[in-house]
Amino acid sequence: MYMTVKETAEYLSISEAQVKKLIQEKRIRALFDGEQYLLNKEQFTTHLEQLEKYKKLYEEWQNEPIPEDIDVKDED
């Protein structure tokens, strides 16, 4: 499925200017049909899956309890 620059910006939650910049830098693939750029939605699937994976790992890390420091001496 192909999307326009505007639809891609909404899908990725970034600005249209950033999408255009990524196209010019050839960091994302796009087709120019004479009027507008068209981007294949499937090229973002892996990136978004990895982003969700790292978010989950970060949340798990945040929820992990702080280990007790073995170097702390109790003076009582």
PDB file of N, CA and C in Angstrom:
ATOM      1  N   MET A   1       0.837  -1.171   0.000  1.00  0.00           N
ATOM      2  CA  MET A   1       0.000   0.000   0.000  1.00  0.00           C
ATOM      3  C   MET A   1       0.892   1.248   0.000  1.00  0.00           C
ATOM      4  N   TYR A   2       0.589   2.167  -0.880  1.00  0.00           N
ATOM      5  CA  TYR A   2       1.375   3.388  -0.979  1.00  0.00           C
ATOM      6  C   TYR A   2       0.661   4.545  -0.279  1.00  0.00           C
ATOM      7  N   MET A   3       1.476   5.409   0.329  1.00  0.00           N
ATOM      8  CA  MET A   3       0.951   6.564   1.039  1.00  0.00           C
ATOM      9  C   MET A   3       1.607   7.829   0.500  1.00  0.00           C
ATOM     10  N   THR A   4       0.918   8.949   0.651  1.00  0.00           N
ATOM     11  CA  THR A   4       1.489  10.236   0.273  1.00  0.00           C
ATOM     12  C   THR A   4       2.403  10.707   1.398  1.00  0.00           C
ATOM     13  N   VAL A   5       3.091  11.814   1.180  1.00  0.00           N
ATOM     14  CA  VAL A   5       3.983  12.378   2.202  1.00  0.00           C
ATOM     15  C   VAL A   5       3.169  12.749   3.436  1.00  0.00           C
ATOM     16  N   LYS A   6       2.007  13.337   3.247  1.00  0.00           N
ATOM     17  CA  LYS A   6       1.163  13.749   4.366  1.00  0.00           C
ATOM     18  C   LYS A   6       0.712  12.539   5.178  1.00  0.00           C
ATOM     19  N   GLU A   7       0.247  11.498   4.497  1.00  0.00           N
ATOM     20  CA  GLU A   7      -0.205  10.286   5.183  1.00  0.00           C
ATOM     21  C   GLU A   7       0.952   9.616   5.922  1.00  0.00           C
ATOM     22  N   THR A   8       2.126   9.622   5.316  1.00  0.00           N
ATOM     23  CA  THR A   8       3.307   9.030   5.943  1.00  0.00           C
ATOM     24  C   THR A   8       3.683   9.808   7.197  1.00  0.00           C
ATOM     25  N   ALA A   9       3.628  11.120   7.134  1.00  0.00           N
ATOM     26  CA  ALA A   9       3.948  11.956   8.296  1.00  0.00           C
ATOM     27  C   ALA A   9       2.995  11.650   9.445  1.00  0.00           C
ATOM     28  N   GLU A  10       1.725  11.499   9.149  1.00  0.00           N
ATOM     29  CA  GLU A  10       0.751  11.164  10.186  1.00  0.00           C
ATOM     30  C   GLU A  10       1.012   9.763  10.740  1.00  0.00           C
ATOM     31  N   TYR A  11       1.326   8.824   9.864  1.00  0.00           N
ATOM     32  CA  TYR A  11       1.582   7.432  10.265  1.00  0.00           C
ATOM     33  C   TYR A  11       2.806   7.334  11.179  1.00  0.00           C
ATOM     34  N   LEU A  12       3.851   8.106  10.879  1.00  0.00           N
ATOM     35  CA  LEU A  12       5.084   8.063  11.657  1.00  0.00           C
ATOM     36  C   LEU A  12       5.112   9.084  12.794  1.00  0.00           C
ATOM     37  N   SER A  13       4.109   9.940  12.873  1.00  0.00           N
ATOM     38  CA  SER A  13       4.021  11.002  13.888  1.00  0.00           C
ATOM     39  C   SER A  13       5.206  11.963  13.811  1.00  0.00           C
ATOM     40  N   ILE A  14       5.527  12.348  12.591  1.00  0.00           N
ATOM     41  CA  ILE A  14       6.564  13.354  12.364  1.00  0.00           C
ATOM     42  C   ILE A  14       6.010  14.371  11.371  1.00  0.00           C
ATOM     43  N   SER A  15       6.741  15.453  11.151  1.00  0.00           N
ATOM     44  CA  SER A  15       6.261  16.488  10.235  1.00  0.00           C
ATOM     45  C   SER A  15       6.496  16.085   8.776  1.00  0.00           C
ATOM     46  N   GLU A  16       5.749  16.735   7.900  1.00  0.00           N
ATOM     47  CA  GLU A  16       5.923  16.483   6.466  1.00  0.00           C
ATOM     48  C   GLU A  16       7.316  16.902   6.011  1.00  0.00           C
ATOM     49  N   ALA A  17       7.841  17.966   6.607  1.00  0.00           N
ATOM     50  CA  ALA A  17       9.185  18.430   6.253  1.00  0.00           C
ATOM     51  C   ALA A  17      10.228  17.368   6.575  1.00  0.00           C
ATOM     52  N   GLN A  18      10.058  16.687   7.693  1.00  0.00           N
ATOM     53  CA  GLN A  18      11.002  15.632   8.057  1.00  0.00           C
ATOM     54  C   GLN A  18      10.917  14.467   7.080  1.00  0.00           C
ATOM     55  N   VAL A  19       9.708  14.127   6.650  1.00  0.00           N
ATOM     56  CA  VAL A  19       9.546  13.045   5.671  1.00  0.00           C
ATOM     57  C   VAL A  19      10.241  13.418   4.372  1.00  0.00           C
ATOM     58  N   LYS A  20      10.041  14.639   3.913  1.00  0.00           N
ATOM     59  CA  LYS A  20      10.690  15.100   2.675  1.00  0.00           C
ATOM     60  C   LYS A  20      12.205  15.087   2.812  1.00  0.00           C
ATOM     61  N   LYS A  21      12.699  15.484   3.984  1.00  0.00           N
ATOM     62  CA  LYS A  21      14.141  15.479   4.217  1.00  0.00           C
ATOM     63  C   LYS A  21      14.686  14.055   4.159  1.00  0.00           C
ATOM     64  N   LEU A  22      13.966  13.102   4.757  1.00  0.00           N
ATOM     65  CA  LEU A  22      14.396  11.697   4.731  1.00  0.00           C
ATOM     66  C   LEU A  22      14.393  11.145   3.308  1.00  0.00           C
ATOM     67  N   ILE A  23      13.445  11.601   2.495  1.00  0.00           N
ATOM     68  CA  ILE A  23      13.405  11.180   1.088  1.00  0.00           C
ATOM     69  C   ILE A  23      14.621  11.724   0.348  1.00  0.00           C
ATOM     70  N   GLN A  24      14.929  13.003   0.555  1.00  0.00           N
ATOM     71  CA  GLN A  24      16.071  13.621  -0.113  1.00  0.00           C
ATOM     72  C   GLN A  24      17.383  12.988   0.320  1.00  0.00           C
ATOM     73  N   GLU A  25      17.479  12.590   1.590  1.00  0.00           N
ATOM     74  CA  GLU A  25      18.693  11.947   2.099  1.00  0.00           C
ATOM     75  C   GLU A  25      18.753  10.474   1.725  1.00  0.00           C
ATOM     76  N   LYS A  26      17.695   9.983   1.057  1.00  0.00           N
ATOM     77  CA  LYS A  26      17.576   8.584   0.635  1.00  0.00           C
ATOM     78  C   LYS A  26      17.605   7.620   1.824  1.00  0.00           C
ATOM     79  N   ARG A  27      17.077   8.081   2.953  1.00  0.00           N
ATOM     80  CA  ARG A  27      16.980   7.226   4.136  1.00  0.00           C
ATOM     81  C   ARG A  27      15.693   6.423   4.105  1.00  0.00           C
ATOM     82  N   ILE A  28      14.695   6.893   3.334  1.00  0.00           N
ATOM     83  CA  ILE A  28      13.483   6.121   3.069  1.00  0.00           C
ATOM     84  C   ILE A  28      13.242   6.141   1.570  1.00  0.00           C
ATOM     85  N   ARG A  29      12.653   5.066   1.079  1.00  0.00           N
ATOM     86  CA  ARG A  29      12.429   4.941  -0.362  1.00  0.00           C
ATOM     87  C   ARG A  29      11.098   5.565  -0.755  1.00  0.00           C
ATOM     88  N   ALA A  30      11.075   6.211  -1.889  1.00  0.00           N
ATOM     89  CA  ALA A  30       9.855   6.840  -2.390  1.00  0.00           C
ATOM     90  C   ALA A  30       9.846   6.826  -3.915  1.00  0.00           C
ATOM     91  N   LEU A  31       8.651   6.820  -4.462  1.00  0.00           N
ATOM     92  CA  LEU A  31       8.458   6.910  -5.907  1.00  0.00           C
ATOM     93  C   LEU A  31       7.859   8.274  -6.218  1.00  0.00           C
ATOM     94  N   PHE A  32       8.313   8.886  -7.279  1.00  0.00           N
ATOM     95  CA  PHE A  32       7.748  10.163  -7.707  1.00  0.00           C
ATOM     96  C   PHE A  32       6.923   9.899  -8.951  1.00  0.00           C
ATOM     97  N   ASP A  33       5.612  10.165  -8.879  1.00  0.00           N
ATOM     98  CA  ASP A  33       4.722   9.863 -10.000  1.00  0.00           C
ATOM     99  C   ASP A  33       4.480  11.058 -10.925  1.00  0.00           C
ATOM    100  N   GLY A  34       5.304  12.092 -10.813  1.00  0.00           N
ATOM    101  CA  GLY A  34       5.143  13.274 -11.632  1.00  0.00           C
ATOM    102  C   GLY A  34       4.486  14.412 -10.885  1.00  0.00           C
ATOM    103  N   GLU A  35       3.718  14.087  -9.856  1.00  0.00           N
ATOM    104  CA  GLU A  35       3.043  15.111  -9.060  1.00  0.00           C
ATOM    105  C   GLU A  35       3.461  15.078  -7.594  1.00  0.00           C
ATOM    106  N   GLN A  36       3.599  13.877  -7.065  1.00  0.00           N
ATOM    107  CA  GLN A  36       3.876  13.728  -5.637  1.00  0.00           C
ATOM    108  C   GLN A  36       4.709  12.481  -5.383  1.00  0.00           C
ATOM    109  N   TYR A  37       5.268  12.426  -4.182  1.00  0.00           N
ATOM    110  CA  TYR A  37       6.009  11.244  -3.770  1.00  0.00           C
ATOM    111  C   TYR A  37       5.046  10.237  -3.164  1.00  0.00           C
ATOM    112  N   LEU A  38       5.275   8.971  -3.457  1.00  0.00           N
ATOM    113  CA  LEU A  38       4.496   7.881  -2.878  1.00  0.00           C
ATOM    114  C   LEU A  38       5.463   6.962  -2.145  1.00  0.00           C
ATOM    115  N   LEU A  39       5.091   6.574  -0.925  1.00  0.00           N
ATOM    116  CA  LEU A  39       5.959   5.750  -0.092  1.00  0.00           C
ATOM    117  C   LEU A  39       5.253   4.446   0.252  1.00  0.00           C
ATOM    118  N   ASN A  40       5.984   3.357   0.163  1.00  0.00           N
ATOM    119  CA  ASN A  40       5.434   2.054   0.496  1.00  0.00           C
ATOM    120  C   ASN A  40       5.382   1.910   2.019  1.00  0.00           C
ATOM    121  N   LYS A  41       4.220   1.600   2.539  1.00  0.00           N
ATOM    122  CA  LYS A  41       4.003   1.499   3.984  1.00  0.00           C
ATOM    123  C   LYS A  41       4.804   0.357   4.608  1.00  0.00           C
ATOM    124  N   GLU A  42       5.050  -0.693   3.864  1.00  0.00           N
ATOM    125  CA  GLU A  42       5.725  -1.885   4.394  1.00  0.00           C
ATOM    126  C   GLU A  42       7.171  -1.622   4.822  1.00  0.00           C
ATOM    127  N   GLN A  43       7.808  -0.598   4.282  1.00  0.00           N
ATOM    128  CA  GLN A  43       9.207  -0.339   4.628  1.00  0.00           C
ATOM    129  C   GLN A  43       9.359   0.130   6.068  1.00  0.00           C
ATOM    130  N   PHE A  44       8.271   0.535   6.704  1.00  0.00           N
ATOM    131  CA  PHE A  44       8.330   1.018   8.082  1.00  0.00           C
ATOM    132  C   PHE A  44       7.969  -0.053   9.102  1.00  0.00           C
ATOM    133  N   THR A  45       7.492  -1.204   8.663  1.00  0.00           N
ATOM    134  CA  THR A  45       7.026  -2.246   9.567  1.00  0.00           C
ATOM    135  C   THR A  45       8.115  -2.706  10.527  1.00  0.00           C
ATOM    136  N   THR A  46       9.269  -3.056  10.034  1.00  0.00           N
ATOM    137  CA  THR A  46      10.364  -3.540  10.870  1.00  0.00           C
ATOM    138  C   THR A  46      10.813  -2.469  11.851  1.00  0.00           C
ATOM    139  N   HIS A  47      10.928  -1.251  11.383  1.00  0.00           N
ATOM    140  CA  HIS A  47      11.358  -0.148  12.245  1.00  0.00           C
ATOM    141  C   HIS A  47      10.378   0.043  13.400  1.00  0.00           C
ATOM    142  N   LEU A  48       9.089   0.048  13.106  1.00  0.00           N
ATOM    143  CA  LEU A  48       8.091   0.259  14.154  1.00  0.00           C
ATOM    144  C   LEU A  48       8.041  -0.914  15.130  1.00  0.00           C
ATOM    145  N   GLU A  49       8.237  -2.127  14.625  1.00  0.00           N
ATOM    146  CA  GLU A  49       8.281  -3.298  15.513  1.00  0.00           C
ATOM    147  C   GLU A  49       9.475  -3.202  16.467  1.00  0.00           C
ATOM    148  N   GLN A  50      10.624  -2.814  15.963  1.00  0.00           N
ATOM    149  CA  GLN A  50      11.809  -2.671  16.808  1.00  0.00           C
ATOM    150  C   GLN A  50      11.624  -1.547  17.819  1.00  0.00           C
ATOM    151  N   LEU A  51      10.983  -0.472  17.412  1.00  0.00           N
ATOM    152  CA  LEU A  51      10.722   0.643  18.316  1.00  0.00           C
ATOM    153  C   LEU A  51       9.844   0.186  19.487  1.00  0.00           C
ATOM    154  N   GLU A  52       8.814  -0.587  19.203  1.00  0.00           N
ATOM    155  CA  GLU A  52       7.938  -1.113  20.257  1.00  0.00           C
ATOM    156  C   GLU A  52       8.709  -2.065  21.175  1.00  0.00           C
ATOM    157  N   LYS A  53       9.588  -2.873  20.587  1.00  0.00           N
ATOM    158  CA  LYS A  53      10.390  -3.806  21.370  1.00  0.00           C
ATOM    159  C   LYS A  53      11.279  -3.056  22.359  1.00  0.00           C
ATOM    160  N   TYR A  54      11.947  -1.999  21.878  1.00  0.00           N
ATOM    161  CA  TYR A  54      12.837  -1.229  22.748  1.00  0.00           C
ATOM    162  C   TYR A  54      12.067  -0.442  23.803  1.00  0.00           C
ATOM    163  N   LYS A  55      10.870   0.019  23.472  1.00  0.00           N
ATOM    164  CA  LYS A  55      10.033   0.684  24.474  1.00  0.00           C
ATOM    165  C   LYS A  55       9.683  -0.276  25.602  1.00  0.00           C
ATOM    166  N   LYS A  56       9.343  -1.506  25.227  1.00  0.00           N
ATOM    167  CA  LYS A  56       8.979  -2.520  26.219  1.00  0.00           C
ATOM    168  C   LYS A  56      10.186  -2.861  27.100  1.00  0.00           C
ATOM    169  N   LEU A  57      11.347  -3.034  26.484  1.00  0.00           N
ATOM    170  CA  LEU A  57      12.552  -3.333  27.258  1.00  0.00           C
ATOM    171  C   LEU A  57      12.903  -2.194  28.205  1.00  0.00           C
ATOM    172  N   TYR A  58      12.717  -0.966  27.770  1.00  0.00           N
ATOM    173  CA  TYR A  58      12.999   0.197  28.611  1.00  0.00           C
ATOM    174  C   TYR A  58      12.036   0.250  29.796  1.00  0.00           C
ATOM    175  N   GLU A  59      10.767  -0.038  29.553  1.00  0.00           N
ATOM    176  CA  GLU A  59       9.784  -0.056  30.638  1.00  0.00           C
ATOM    177  C   GLU A  59      10.123  -1.138  31.660  1.00  0.00           C
ATOM    178  N   GLU A  60      10.538  -2.309  31.182  1.00  0.00           N
ATOM    179  CA  GLU A  60      10.940  -3.387  32.090  1.00  0.00           C
ATOM    180  C   GLU A  60      12.146  -2.957  32.922  1.00  0.00           C
ATOM    181  N   TRP A  61      13.089  -2.307  32.293  1.00  0.00           N
ATOM    182  CA  TRP A  61      14.284  -1.838  32.997  1.00  0.00           C
ATOM    183  C   TRP A  61      13.909  -0.801  34.047  1.00  0.00           C
ATOM    184  N   GLN A  62      12.977   0.092  33.694  1.00  0.00           N
ATOM    185  CA  GLN A  62      12.528   1.125  34.627  1.00  0.00           C
ATOM    186  C   GLN A  62      11.826   0.525  35.845  1.00  0.00           C
ATOM    187  N   ASN A  63      11.098  -0.571  35.652  1.00  0.00           N
ATOM    188  CA  ASN A  63      10.330  -1.191  36.731  1.00  0.00           C
ATOM    189  C   ASN A  63      11.158  -2.148  37.579  1.00  0.00           C
ATOM    190  N   GLU A  64      12.373  -2.410  37.169  1.00  0.00           N
ATOM    191  CA  GLU A  64      13.239  -3.318  37.913  1.00  0.00           C
ATOM    192  C   GLU A  64      13.679  -2.644  39.218  1.00  0.00           C
ATOM    193  N   PRO A  65      13.575  -3.356  40.345  1.00  0.00           N
ATOM    194  CA  PRO A  65      13.965  -2.736  41.615  1.00  0.00           C
ATOM    195  C   PRO A  65      15.470  -2.477  41.675  1.00  0.00           C
ATOM    196  N   ILE A  66      15.830  -1.452  42.431  1.00  0.00           N
ATOM    197  CA  ILE A  66      17.237  -1.103  42.590  1.00  0.00           C
ATOM    198  C   ILE A  66      17.854  -2.098  43.566  1.00  0.00           C
ATOM    199  N   PRO A  67      18.938  -2.747  43.160  1.00  0.00           N
ATOM    200  CA  PRO A  67      19.553  -3.732  44.059  1.00  0.00           C
ATOM    201  C   PRO A  67      20.201  -3.042  45.266  1.00  0.00           C
ATOM    202  N   GLU A  68      20.184  -3.748  46.359  1.00  0.00           N
ATOM    203  CA  GLU A  68      20.809  -3.204  47.568  1.00  0.00           C
ATOM    204  C   GLU A  68      22.300  -3.178  47.378  1.00  0.00           C
ATOM    205  N   ASP A  69      22.921  -2.085  47.770  1.00  0.00           N
ATOM    206  CA  ASP A  69      24.357  -1.925  47.603  1.00  0.00           C
ATOM    207  C   ASP A  69      25.071  -2.721  48.689  1.00  0.00           C
ATOM    208  N   ILE A  70      25.959  -3.619  48.305  1.00  0.00           N
ATOM    209  CA  ILE A  70      26.660  -4.460  49.288  1.00  0.00           C
ATOM    210  C   ILE A  70      27.725  -3.674  50.050  1.00  0.00           C
ATOM    211  N   ASP A  71      28.092  -2.512  49.542  1.00  0.00           N
ATOM    212  CA  ASP A  71      29.131  -1.719  50.185  1.00  0.00           C
ATOM    213  C   ASP A  71      28.582  -0.800  51.283  1.00  0.00           C
ATOM    214  N   VAL A  72      27.264  -0.705  51.398  1.00  0.00           N
ATOM    215  CA  VAL A  72      26.676   0.143  52.413  1.00  0.00           C
ATOM    216  C   VAL A  72      26.780  -0.563  53.759  1.00  0.00           C
ATOM    217  N   LYS A  73      27.317   0.145  54.760  1.00  0.00           N
ATOM    218  CA  LYS A  73      27.484  -0.448  56.084  1.00  0.00           C
ATOM    219  C   LYS A  73      26.434   0.101  57.022  1.00  0.00           C
ATOM    220  N   ASP A  74      25.849  -0.769  57.747  1.00  0.00           N
ATOM    221  CA  ASP A  74      24.861  -0.375  58.724  1.00  0.00           C
ATOM    222  C   ASP A  74      25.568  -0.010  60.025  1.00  0.00           C
ATOM    223  N   GLU A  75      25.387   1.209  60.488  1.00  0.00           N
ATOM    224  CA  GLU A  75      26.111   1.655  61.676  1.00  0.00           C
ATOM    225  C   GLU A  75      25.321   1.479  62.953  1.00  0.00           C
ATOM    226  N   ASP A  76      24.171   0.878  62.885  1.00  0.00           N
ATOM    227  CA  ASP A  76      23.386   0.661  64.103  1.00  0.00           C
ATOM    228  C   ASP A  76      23.880  -0.499  64.904  1.00  0.00           C
TER     229      ASP A  76
END
